[in-house]
Amino acid sequence: MKRVLFSLLIAGLILLPENIRADDDFGFDSGGGSSASSPSFSAGSVDVRIGGEVSAELLAFTDDFETVDKIKQGKLGDVFSGALNFSVSGSAADAVINLNLAPVFDGSASPVTIDEAYVRAYFGPVNVEGGVRKLTWGKADSLGPLDVINPLDYTDLTKISDPMDLKIGRPLVHISWGIGNFSKLEGVFVPWFQGHHFATNGRWAPAQITEITGLLSLLPDFNIDDYYKEDRQTLEYAQSGLRFTTTIGSSDMGLQYYYGRLPRPALDASRMSMDYNAYHQVGVDYAQVLFGFNVRAEAAANITEDLKGDKGDIYNPSLAWSLGFDRDLIGGINVNFQATESIRLFHDKIGKDPLVIDTEEGKDITSTRLTLILSKKFFRDQLELKAAGLWDIEEKGFLVMPSIAWIKNDVSVKLSGGIFGGDEDGELGQYRDNHFIKTVLTYRF
């Protein structure tokens, strides 16, 4: 009950500034909408922009070419994908609708889905927005421990190189208040919950999900697809947070608190069910240019209800951090590096009770991932070579993604691939048979 009251209190604080009025308009633009080059027209004081992209894509997995029979049964993806972006801007508000387009030939789903759709109003130094949004909290370039608002879509790991593509837009109310010229206070209220999306079968189904569902499949009425559709739109699953950022000298710093649910499900063996654990997060971040390096760091404490570490159906509390930088090297090569680690607390209490099946049993006390991206542009930035890599240290798992892209005005052609390896039980190594090659032709307007 206290958690629900706290979430309602944050929601009230977020909605309070709707009565604020000021003569000057001031807003922090958090992105979204069409790019500046999108076609636009004006109707009185309203500016309308329409943009998007259309892509033709071929995707092939190398294991589909091992035998003649596999080649005959192989697939090359859906070929077409696209997006439509609409934005309307007035003197005191704007609205954005971003749609994703994908063919659905069997009629099982809609070919049009909402990526983002929200309205933002300006009240002097206060911005109030509500709708379906993707928000980024924290300073990390890749996914950092403080970027907790949006769940991620892991049903297609060929898209793992773009964090914004992975994010799933959430219905929320968000307010930001510009304090002076260098500080900002934000609040967010998410009225219901959704966890990460994982494939439940096929080549991208993760072992953690298949192991849990394998146990629950012993129940005659259990269906994993029905479980993911279970109603979590009540205030019991409400989430909320506050974030303060400021600039001191040449350093950007932030402090945030968030109450929500961990996005990965935990198994409750005693009741033969699974659910998402509640947790509190307190975190800080920092960014500064040092000796030509753009340095970014984050640290967080994730506090669950398992304060002794002996509850099998609840994840242990943990500490998490990330440290990264980017810099242009000799010859115009850009390097972007990030290390991210999670450290489980009370790890020695896991598995002590032989009668309890613990969600975290058999896992390492730490989980460390290194991300490295090297890129180089040629011919006035029309040709780009890039190599991105992920390495999970404890599991010795890796993913290497080389690519080459040719960009001419609004048209781009990209050839890329992915190579997985490592421990077959690891987060990346389990996909070591899923090496892929992808080519995409895109027109942006």
Foldseek 3Di string as FASTA:
>chain_A
DVVLVVLVVLVCVLPVCVPFADDDWDEDDQDAFDDPPFDWDDDVQKIKGKWKKKKFKFKWFPVCPPDPVSVVVTGGPQRIKMKIKIKMDGPFKIWIWIWIAGDDVVPPDDRIDTQWTKMWGTHHQKIKMWTWDQGADFDDPADAPVRPDFAFEQADCVPVVDRSVGTGTATKIKMWGDDPDFKIKMKIKGQWDAAYHFDQDDLGHAPLNVVLVVQLVVDVPDDVVVVNVDDGRHSVQMKMKMKMWGDDDQKIKMKMKIWGWHRDWFADVVVSDIDTFIWIKTKMKMWGQDPQKTKIKMKMKICTPPDQCQAQRTFAIKIKMKIWIWHQDPPRKIKTKMKIKIAGPNVVNPPPDVVGHHSCPPHDRMWMKMKMKIKHADDVRQKMWMWIKMATVVQRKMKIKTKIKGHDPQKMKMKMWIAIDGHCNDPGHVSRSRTMIMIMIMGID
